[in-house]
Amino acid sequence: MDDAELEVRLRNERYPRAAGYSARWMVDGSMGPNPVWQAEALVGLMPLEPGMRVLDMGCGTARSSIFLAKEFGVEVWATDLWVKPEENLRHVADAGLEGRVHPVYSEAHALPFAEGFFDAAVSIGAYHYFGTDDLYIGYFSRFVKPGGRIGIVQPGPVDEYEVLPPPHLTEYWKWDFCAWHSPDWWRRHWEKTGLVTVEVADQLPNSWQDWLQWNEACDEDGGTPGREEARMLHTDGGRTLGLTRVIAHRN
């Protein structure tokens, strides 16, 4: 698919800020549902101010980190285990953001930051890989100042599944989808610690359609996440799956 066609396929009026970024740039950095769209949806309810220090946990190829730094004037620590910092440093340099986006290589349970260092922390499409542990929010939240916000977006069902896998999704189910949870599940999971107060726990409006639009464009372009995930979303038709958004502040 040429770049002009890709721009048309990924035009989405729900994300006006993301429209200022190359569709090719977003697709070439893909590791799941569009992280720039998700970051825009998150920050719509989680205001960031210029000069804030922001942790972007599980940033992948740093697309979300670059977007946040450019759009909101924040300083971002782009932290990931799967993508080496030298690779992300190239992306950051290409965006002209050296000194404002800092690539960090770290496992989620061994973060190299001081307690209270960040004004806010986000995780786009990654938190479910490490954050379902009952104790993890207690660890993660310590790096944010009291009153600072923590926000995540990732795949999840509207409500918790009564059966795993859901019968209509058996053909597409992978074992690690068991870490996908509903907004209410995340609210309870975080608030039971008493360490944070959840302000928002919802499913992004029309998110299954956005996710499907992204997957189909990536598939036709020959990239990831590919055809099977798109078929799963078609089959589900928004009955259960979408993108879960959770925002809390540290008590």
C-alpha atoms as a PDB file:
ATOM      1  CA  MET A   1       0.000   0.000   0.000  1.00  0.00           C
ATOM      2  CA  ASP A   2       1.428   3.402  -0.873  1.00  0.00           C
ATOM      3  CA  ASP A   3       1.657   6.180   1.698  1.00  0.00           C
ATOM      4  CA  ALA A   4      -1.230   8.225   0.275  1.00  0.00           C
ATOM      5  CA  GLU A   5      -3.627   5.262   0.455  1.00  0.00           C
ATOM      6  CA  LEU A   6      -2.476   4.451   3.962  1.00  0.00           C
ATOM      7  CA  GLU A   7      -3.246   8.021   5.046  1.00  0.00           C
ATOM      8  CA  VAL A   8      -6.786   7.634   3.732  1.00  0.00           C
ATOM      9  CA  ARG A   9      -7.285   4.230   5.374  1.00  0.00           C
ATOM     10  CA  LEU A  10      -6.184   5.546   8.761  1.00  0.00           C
ATOM     11  CA  ARG A  11      -8.090   8.817   8.738  1.00  0.00           C
ATOM     12  CA  ASN A  12     -10.085   8.966  11.979  1.00  0.00           C
ATOM     13  CA  GLU A  13     -11.869  12.116  13.122  1.00  0.00           C
ATOM     14  CA  ARG A  14     -11.882  10.968  16.746  1.00  0.00           C
ATOM     15  CA  TYR A  15      -8.133  11.632  16.925  1.00  0.00           C
ATOM     16  CA  PRO A  16      -7.455  15.135  15.539  1.00  0.00           C
ATOM     17  CA  ARG A  17      -4.020  15.471  17.143  1.00  0.00           C
ATOM     18  CA  ALA A  18      -2.872  12.121  15.752  1.00  0.00           C
ATOM     19  CA  ALA A  19      -3.940  13.288  12.287  1.00  0.00           C
ATOM     20  CA  GLY A  20      -0.868  15.512  12.278  1.00  0.00           C
ATOM     21  CA  TYR A  21       1.417  12.472  12.278  1.00  0.00           C
ATOM     22  CA  SER A  22       2.353  10.318   9.309  1.00  0.00           C
ATOM     23  CA  ALA A  23       0.299   7.140   9.001  1.00  0.00           C
ATOM     24  CA  ARG A  24       3.429   5.433   7.672  1.00  0.00           C
ATOM     25  CA  TRP A  25       5.355   6.493  10.792  1.00  0.00           C
ATOM     26  CA  MET A  26       2.635   5.044  13.029  1.00  0.00           C
ATOM     27  CA  VAL A  27       2.327   1.764  11.115  1.00  0.00           C
ATOM     28  CA  ASP A  28       6.081   1.212  10.861  1.00  0.00           C
ATOM     29  CA  GLY A  29       6.290   1.369  14.662  1.00  0.00           C
ATOM     30  CA  SER A  30       3.308  -0.892  15.266  1.00  0.00           C
ATOM     31  CA  MET A  31       3.379  -3.444  18.088  1.00  0.00           C
ATOM     32  CA  GLY A  32      -0.389  -3.591  18.679  1.00  0.00           C
ATOM     33  CA  PRO A  33      -3.383  -1.234  18.469  1.00  0.00           C
ATOM     34  CA  ASN A  34      -2.392   2.296  17.422  1.00  0.00           C
ATOM     35  CA  PRO A  35      -0.494   3.754  20.421  1.00  0.00           C
ATOM     36  CA  VAL A  36      -0.871   7.355  19.229  1.00  0.00           C
ATOM     37  CA  TRP A  37      -4.661   7.104  19.078  1.00  0.00           C
ATOM     38  CA  GLN A  38      -4.671   5.473  22.503  1.00  0.00           C
ATOM     39  CA  ALA A  39      -2.409   8.142  23.984  1.00  0.00           C
ATOM     40  CA  GLU A  40      -4.664  10.888  22.630  1.00  0.00           C
ATOM     41  CA  ALA A  41      -7.746   9.214  24.106  1.00  0.00           C
ATOM     42  CA  LEU A  42      -6.019   8.807  27.464  1.00  0.00           C
ATOM     43  CA  VAL A  43      -4.730  12.365  27.760  1.00  0.00           C
ATOM     44  CA  GLY A  44      -8.149  13.704  26.791  1.00  0.00           C
ATOM     45  CA  LEU A  45      -9.161  12.832  30.373  1.00  0.00           C
ATOM     46  CA  MET A  46      -5.707  13.011  31.982  1.00  0.00           C
ATOM     47  CA  PRO A  47      -4.389  16.541  31.370  1.00  0.00           C
ATOM     48  CA  LEU A  48      -0.642  17.001  31.024  1.00  0.00           C
ATOM     49  CA  GLU A  49       1.107  20.348  31.497  1.00  0.00           C
ATOM     50  CA  PRO A  50       4.331  21.545  29.835  1.00  0.00           C
ATOM     51  CA  GLY A  51       7.427  20.618  31.813  1.00  0.00           C
ATOM     52  CA  MET A  52       5.888  17.615  33.571  1.00  0.00           C
ATOM     53  CA  ARG A  53       7.991  14.470  33.955  1.00  0.00           C
ATOM     54  CA  VAL A  54       6.130  11.505  32.498  1.00  0.00           C
ATOM     55  CA  LEU A  55       6.953   7.798  32.639  1.00  0.00           C
ATOM     56  CA  ASP A  56       5.810   5.909  29.523  1.00  0.00           C
ATOM     57  CA  MET A  57       5.982   2.282  30.656  1.00  0.00           C
ATOM     58  CA  GLY A  58       6.177  -0.368  27.944  1.00  0.00           C
ATOM     59  CA  CYS A  59       6.559   2.280  25.258  1.00  0.00           C
ATOM     60  CA  GLY A  60       7.542  -0.098  22.449  1.00  0.00           C
ATOM     61  CA  THR A  61       9.014   1.941  19.603  1.00  0.00           C
ATOM     62  CA  ALA A  62       8.368   5.195  21.518  1.00  0.00           C
ATOM     63  CA  ARG A  63       5.570   6.459  19.270  1.00  0.00           C
ATOM     64  CA  SER A  64       3.429   7.358  22.281  1.00  0.00           C
ATOM     65  CA  SER A  65       6.407   9.000  24.028  1.00  0.00           C
ATOM     66  CA  ILE A  66       7.191  11.163  21.005  1.00  0.00           C
ATOM     67  CA  PHE A  67       3.530  12.133  20.619  1.00  0.00           C
ATOM     68  CA  LEU A  68       3.190  13.164  24.277  1.00  0.00           C
ATOM     69  CA  ALA A  69       6.397  15.197  24.235  1.00  0.00           C
ATOM     70  CA  LYS A  70       5.503  17.003  21.020  1.00  0.00           C
ATOM     71  CA  GLU A  71       1.861  17.673  21.750  1.00  0.00           C
ATOM     72  CA  PHE A  72       1.983  18.567  25.435  1.00  0.00           C
ATOM     73  CA  GLY A  73       5.513  19.818  26.063  1.00  0.00           C
ATOM     74  CA  VAL A  74       6.261  17.167  28.674  1.00  0.00           C
ATOM     75  CA  GLU A  75       9.558  15.354  29.293  1.00  0.00           C
ATOM     76  CA  VAL A  76       9.152  11.600  28.812  1.00  0.00           C
ATOM     77  CA  TRP A  77      11.129   8.589  30.001  1.00  0.00           C
ATOM     78  CA  ALA A  78      10.373   6.032  27.268  1.00  0.00           C
ATOM     79  CA  THR A  79      10.827   2.725  29.094  1.00  0.00           C
ATOM     80  CA  ASP A  80      10.710  -0.710  27.493  1.00  0.00           C
ATOM     81  CA  LEU A  81      12.161  -4.201  27.784  1.00  0.00           C
ATOM     82  CA  TRP A  82      11.602  -5.429  24.225  1.00  0.00           C
ATOM     83  CA  VAL A  83      12.999  -2.470  22.267  1.00  0.00           C
ATOM     84  CA  LYS A  84      16.603  -1.448  22.913  1.00  0.00           C
ATOM     85  CA  PRO A  85      17.191   2.194  23.908  1.00  0.00           C
ATOM     86  CA  GLU A  86      19.606   2.813  21.047  1.00  0.00           C
ATOM     87  CA  GLU A  87      16.824   1.952  18.594  1.00  0.00           C
ATOM     88  CA  ASN A  88      14.396   4.309  20.304  1.00  0.00           C
ATOM     89  CA  LEU A  89      17.067   6.984  20.503  1.00  0.00           C
ATOM     90  CA  ARG A  90      17.126   6.966  16.698  1.00  0.00           C
ATOM     91  CA  HIS A  91      13.368   7.476  16.611  1.00  0.00           C
ATOM     92  CA  VAL A  92      13.659  10.294  19.137  1.00  0.00           C
ATOM     93  CA  ALA A  93      16.465  11.990  17.185  1.00  0.00           C
ATOM     94  CA  ASP A  94      14.477  11.735  13.948  1.00  0.00           C
ATOM     95  CA  ALA A  95      11.628  13.532  15.735  1.00  0.00           C
ATOM     96  CA  GLY A  96      13.973  16.273  16.988  1.00  0.00           C
ATOM     97  CA  LEU A  97      13.270  15.447  20.620  1.00  0.00           C
ATOM     98  CA  GLU A  98      16.683  14.558  22.031  1.00  0.00           C
ATOM     99  CA  GLY A  99      16.818  15.763  25.619  1.00  0.00           C
ATOM    100  CA  ARG A 100      13.012  15.650  25.953  1.00  0.00           C
ATOM    101  CA  VAL A 101      12.398  11.918  25.395  1.00  0.00           C
ATOM    102  CA  HIS A 102      14.795   9.625  27.252  1.00  0.00           C
ATOM    103  CA  PRO A 103      14.875   5.964  26.123  1.00  0.00           C
ATOM    104  CA  VAL A 104      15.318   3.544  29.036  1.00  0.00           C
ATOM    105  CA  TYR A 105      15.823  -0.222  28.949  1.00  0.00           C
ATOM    106  CA  SER A 106      14.213  -1.806  31.998  1.00  0.00           C
ATOM    107  CA  GLU A 107      12.070  -4.665  33.204  1.00  0.00           C
ATOM    108  CA  ALA A 108       8.811  -3.513  34.774  1.00  0.00           C
ATOM    109  CA  HIS A 109       9.758  -4.786  38.256  1.00  0.00           C
ATOM    110  CA  ALA A 110      13.202  -3.183  38.305  1.00  0.00           C
ATOM    111  CA  LEU A 111      12.595   0.435  37.362  1.00  0.00           C
ATOM    112  CA  PRO A 112      15.682   2.651  37.840  1.00  0.00           C
ATOM    113  CA  PHE A 113      13.884   5.745  39.126  1.00  0.00           C
ATOM    114  CA  ALA A 114      13.619   7.584  42.434  1.00  0.00           C
ATOM    115  CA  GLU A 115      10.375   7.466  44.383  1.00  0.00           C
ATOM    116  CA  GLY A 116       8.117  10.385  43.482  1.00  0.00           C
ATOM    117  CA  PHE A 117      10.251  11.340  40.466  1.00  0.00           C
ATOM    118  CA  PHE A 118       7.348  11.580  37.986  1.00  0.00           C
ATOM    119  CA  ASP A 119       4.375  13.911  37.781  1.00  0.00           C
ATOM    120  CA  ALA A 120       2.457  11.260  35.828  1.00  0.00           C
ATOM    121  CA  ALA A 121       2.840   7.741  34.465  1.00  0.00           C
ATOM    122  CA  VAL A 122       1.182   6.135  31.458  1.00  0.00           C
ATOM    123  CA  SER A 123       1.198   2.720  29.856  1.00  0.00           C
ATOM    124  CA  ILE A 124      -0.241   2.167  26.390  1.00  0.00           C
ATOM    125  CA  GLY A 125      -1.045  -1.414  25.411  1.00  0.00           C
ATOM    126  CA  ALA A 126       1.426  -2.924  27.865  1.00  0.00           C
ATOM    127  CA  TYR A 127       0.281  -2.735  31.491  1.00  0.00           C
ATOM    128  CA  HIS A 128      -1.611  -6.033  31.418  1.00  0.00           C
ATOM    129  CA  TYR A 129       1.672  -7.879  30.772  1.00  0.00           C
ATOM    130  CA  PHE A 130       2.933  -7.057  34.269  1.00  0.00           C
ATOM    131  CA  GLY A 131       0.218  -5.190  36.190  1.00  0.00           C
ATOM    132  CA  THR A 132      -2.322  -7.917  36.999  1.00  0.00           C
ATOM    133  CA  ASP A 133      -0.221  -8.894  40.048  1.00  0.00           C
ATOM    134  CA  ASP A 134      -2.079  -7.735  43.184  1.00  0.00           C
ATOM    135  CA  LEU A 135       1.044  -5.958  44.420  1.00  0.00           C
ATOM    136  CA  TYR A 136       2.184  -4.232  41.248  1.00  0.00           C
ATOM    137  CA  ILE A 137       0.216  -0.986  41.523  1.00  0.00           C
ATOM    138  CA  GLY A 138       1.843  -0.472  44.937  1.00  0.00           C
ATOM    139  CA  TYR A 139       5.247  -0.722  43.315  1.00  0.00           C
ATOM    140  CA  PHE A 140       4.414   1.285  40.194  1.00  0.00           C
ATOM    141  CA  SER A 141       2.614   4.122  41.964  1.00  0.00           C
ATOM    142  CA  ARG A 142       5.588   4.887  44.209  1.00  0.00           C
ATOM    143  CA  PHE A 143       7.396   6.480  41.269  1.00  0.00           C
ATOM    144  CA  VAL A 144       4.632   9.091  40.893  1.00  0.00           C
ATOM    145  CA  LYS A 145       4.304  12.080  43.221  1.00  0.00           C
ATOM    146  CA  PRO A 146       1.353  12.074  45.662  1.00  0.00           C
ATOM    147  CA  GLY A 147      -1.588  13.426  43.715  1.00  0.00           C
ATOM    148  CA  GLY A 148       0.062  12.534  40.398  1.00  0.00           C
ATOM    149  CA  ARG A 149      -1.932  10.581  37.859  1.00  0.00           C
ATOM    150  CA  ILE A 150      -1.473   7.096  36.449  1.00  0.00           C
ATOM    151  CA  GLY A 151      -3.220   6.166  33.213  1.00  0.00           C
ATOM    152  CA  ILE A 152      -3.387   3.009  31.121  1.00  0.00           C
ATOM    153  CA  VAL A 153      -5.069   1.865  27.918  1.00  0.00           C
ATOM    154  CA  GLN A 154      -5.053  -1.741  26.720  1.00  0.00           C
ATOM    155  CA  PRO A 155      -7.291  -4.435  25.227  1.00  0.00           C
ATOM    156  CA  GLY A 156     -10.085  -5.689  27.430  1.00  0.00           C
ATOM    157  CA  PRO A 157     -13.714  -6.834  27.586  1.00  0.00           C
ATOM    158  CA  VAL A 158     -16.666  -4.666  28.562  1.00  0.00           C
ATOM    159  CA  ASP A 159     -17.403  -7.097  31.406  1.00  0.00           C
ATOM    160  CA  GLU A 160     -15.410  -9.986  32.837  1.00  0.00           C
ATOM    161  CA  TYR A 161     -15.758 -13.209  30.887  1.00  0.00           C
ATOM    162  CA  GLU A 162     -17.968 -15.871  32.446  1.00  0.00           C
ATOM    163  CA  VAL A 163     -16.211 -18.517  30.350  1.00  0.00           C
ATOM    164  CA  LEU A 164     -12.641 -18.524  29.040  1.00  0.00           C
ATOM    165  CA  PRO A 165     -12.285 -18.440  26.185  1.00  0.00           C
ATOM    166  CA  PRO A 166     -15.647 -16.909  25.230  1.00  0.00           C
ATOM    167  CA  PRO A 167     -17.249 -19.512  22.936  1.00  0.00           C
ATOM    168  CA  HIS A 168     -17.525 -17.228  19.908  1.00  0.00           C
ATOM    169  CA  LEU A 169     -13.801 -16.356  20.158  1.00  0.00           C
ATOM    170  CA  THR A 170     -12.392 -19.854  20.731  1.00  0.00           C
ATOM    171  CA  GLU A 171     -10.907 -20.000  17.233  1.00  0.00           C
ATOM    172  CA  TYR A 172      -8.808 -16.885  17.864  1.00  0.00           C
ATOM    173  CA  TRP A 173      -7.991 -17.206  21.557  1.00  0.00           C
ATOM    174  CA  LYS A 174      -4.419 -17.129  22.836  1.00  0.00           C
ATOM    175  CA  TRP A 175      -3.602 -18.102  26.383  1.00  0.00           C
ATOM    176  CA  ASP A 176      -2.234 -14.693  27.363  1.00  0.00           C
ATOM    177  CA  PHE A 177      -5.548 -12.988  26.533  1.00  0.00           C
ATOM    178  CA  CYS A 178      -6.536 -14.079  30.052  1.00  0.00           C
ATOM    179  CA  ALA A 179      -4.760 -10.886  31.218  1.00  0.00           C
ATOM    180  CA  TRP A 180      -7.348  -8.724  29.429  1.00  0.00           C
ATOM    181  CA  HIS A 181      -9.763  -7.323  31.999  1.00  0.00           C
ATOM    182  CA  SER A 182     -12.792  -5.070  32.198  1.00  0.00           C
ATOM    183  CA  PRO A 183     -12.808  -1.467  33.464  1.00  0.00           C
ATOM    184  CA  ASP A 184     -14.591  -2.511  36.677  1.00  0.00           C
ATOM    185  CA  TRP A 185     -12.020  -5.239  37.303  1.00  0.00           C
ATOM    186  CA  TRP A 186      -9.195  -2.707  37.059  1.00  0.00           C
ATOM    187  CA  ARG A 187     -11.007  -0.276  39.345  1.00  0.00           C
ATOM    188  CA  ARG A 188     -11.334  -2.918  42.050  1.00  0.00           C
ATOM    189  CA  HIS A 189      -7.815  -4.228  41.453  1.00  0.00           C
ATOM    190  CA  TRP A 190      -6.259  -0.818  42.056  1.00  0.00           C
ATOM    191  CA  GLU A 191      -8.538   0.678  44.701  1.00  0.00           C
ATOM    192  CA  LYS A 192      -8.447  -2.329  47.035  1.00  0.00           C
ATOM    193  CA  THR A 193      -4.870  -1.338  47.912  1.00  0.00           C
ATOM    194  CA  GLY A 194      -5.938   2.064  49.239  1.00  0.00           C
ATOM    195  CA  LEU A 195      -2.910   3.562  47.490  1.00  0.00           C
ATOM    196  CA  VAL A 196      -4.710   5.131  44.535  1.00  0.00           C
ATOM    197  CA  THR A 197      -8.142   6.544  43.741  1.00  0.00           C
ATOM    198  CA  VAL A 198      -9.564   5.663  40.338  1.00  0.00           C
ATOM    199  CA  GLU A 199     -11.083   8.649  38.539  1.00  0.00           C
ATOM    200  CA  VAL A 200     -11.962   6.964  35.231  1.00  0.00           C
ATOM    201  CA  ALA A 201     -12.517   3.302  34.347  1.00  0.00           C
ATOM    202  CA  ASP A 202     -14.253   2.806  31.029  1.00  0.00           C
ATOM    203  CA  GLN A 203     -13.996   1.359  27.571  1.00  0.00           C
ATOM    204  CA  LEU A 204     -12.986   3.863  24.909  1.00  0.00           C
ATOM    205  CA  PRO A 205     -16.016   4.749  22.762  1.00  0.00           C
ATOM    206  CA  ASN A 206     -15.978   2.940  19.403  1.00  0.00           C
ATOM    207  CA  SER A 207     -12.625   1.439  20.329  1.00  0.00           C
ATOM    208  CA  TRP A 208     -13.270  -1.962  18.773  1.00  0.00           C
ATOM    209  CA  GLN A 209     -13.949  -0.209  15.449  1.00  0.00           C
ATOM    210  CA  ASP A 210     -10.780   1.879  15.761  1.00  0.00           C
ATOM    211  CA  TRP A 211      -8.822  -1.256  16.627  1.00  0.00           C
ATOM    212  CA  LEU A 212     -10.296  -3.059  13.617  1.00  0.00           C
ATOM    213  CA  GLN A 213      -9.608  -0.115  11.295  1.00  0.00           C
ATOM    214  CA  TRP A 214      -5.985  -0.134  12.417  1.00  0.00           C
ATOM    215  CA  ASN A 215      -5.541  -3.896  12.081  1.00  0.00           C
ATOM    216  CA  GLU A 216      -7.056  -4.040   8.614  1.00  0.00           C
ATOM    217  CA  ALA A 217      -4.822  -1.223   7.368  1.00  0.00           C
ATOM    218  CA  CYS A 218      -1.735  -2.866   8.889  1.00  0.00           C
ATOM    219  CA  ASP A 219      -2.679  -6.215   7.393  1.00  0.00           C
ATOM    220  CA  GLU A 220      -3.180  -4.803   3.902  1.00  0.00           C
ATOM    221  CA  ASP A 221       0.130  -2.996   4.230  1.00  0.00           C
ATOM    222  CA  GLY A 222       1.822  -6.305   5.065  1.00  0.00           C
ATOM    223  CA  GLY A 223       2.646  -5.438   8.659  1.00  0.00           C
ATOM    224  CA  THR A 224       1.462  -6.334  12.134  1.00  0.00           C
ATOM    225  CA  PRO A 225      -0.730  -7.012  14.084  1.00  0.00           C
ATOM    226  CA  GLY A 226      -2.281  -8.864  11.148  1.00  0.00           C
ATOM    227  CA  ARG A 227      -5.248 -10.728   9.836  1.00  0.00           C
ATOM    228  CA  GLU A 228      -6.177 -13.075  12.694  1.00  0.00           C
ATOM    229  CA  GLU A 229      -6.759 -10.242  15.141  1.00  0.00           C
ATOM    230  CA  ALA A 230      -8.899  -8.415  12.573  1.00  0.00           C
ATOM    231  CA  ARG A 231     -10.974 -11.563  12.040  1.00  0.00           C
ATOM    232  CA  MET A 232     -11.432 -11.864  15.796  1.00  0.00           C
ATOM    233  CA  LEU A 233     -12.725  -8.299  16.017  1.00  0.00           C
ATOM    234  CA  HIS A 234     -15.080  -8.857  13.076  1.00  0.00           C
ATOM    235  CA  THR A 235     -16.447 -11.982  14.735  1.00  0.00           C
ATOM    236  CA  ASP A 236     -16.900 -10.257  18.077  1.00  0.00           C
ATOM    237  CA  GLY A 237     -18.508  -7.172  16.521  1.00  0.00           C
ATOM    238  CA  GLY A 238     -18.067  -5.120  19.674  1.00  0.00           C
ATOM    239  CA  ARG A 239     -20.023  -7.555  21.862  1.00  0.00           C
ATOM    240  CA  THR A 240     -17.188  -7.974  24.328  1.00  0.00           C
ATOM    241  CA  LEU A 241     -13.856  -6.582  23.180  1.00  0.00           C
ATOM    242  CA  GLY A 242     -12.525  -3.047  23.061  1.00  0.00           C
ATOM    243  CA  LEU A 243      -9.856  -0.888  24.644  1.00  0.00           C
ATOM    244  CA  THR A 244      -9.988  -0.329  28.397  1.00  0.00           C
ATOM    245  CA  ARG A 245      -8.968   3.059  29.833  1.00  0.00           C
ATOM    246  CA  VAL A 246      -8.158   3.566  33.520  1.00  0.00           C
ATOM    247  CA  ILE A 247      -6.984   6.787  35.185  1.00  0.00           C
ATOM    248  CA  ALA A 248      -6.155   7.171  38.881  1.00  0.00           C
ATOM    249  CA  HIS A 249      -4.224   9.480  41.176  1.00  0.00           C
ATOM    250  CA  ARG A 250      -1.797   8.464  43.874  1.00  0.00           C
ATOM    251  CA  ASN A 251      -3.197   9.039  47.362  1.00  0.00           C
END
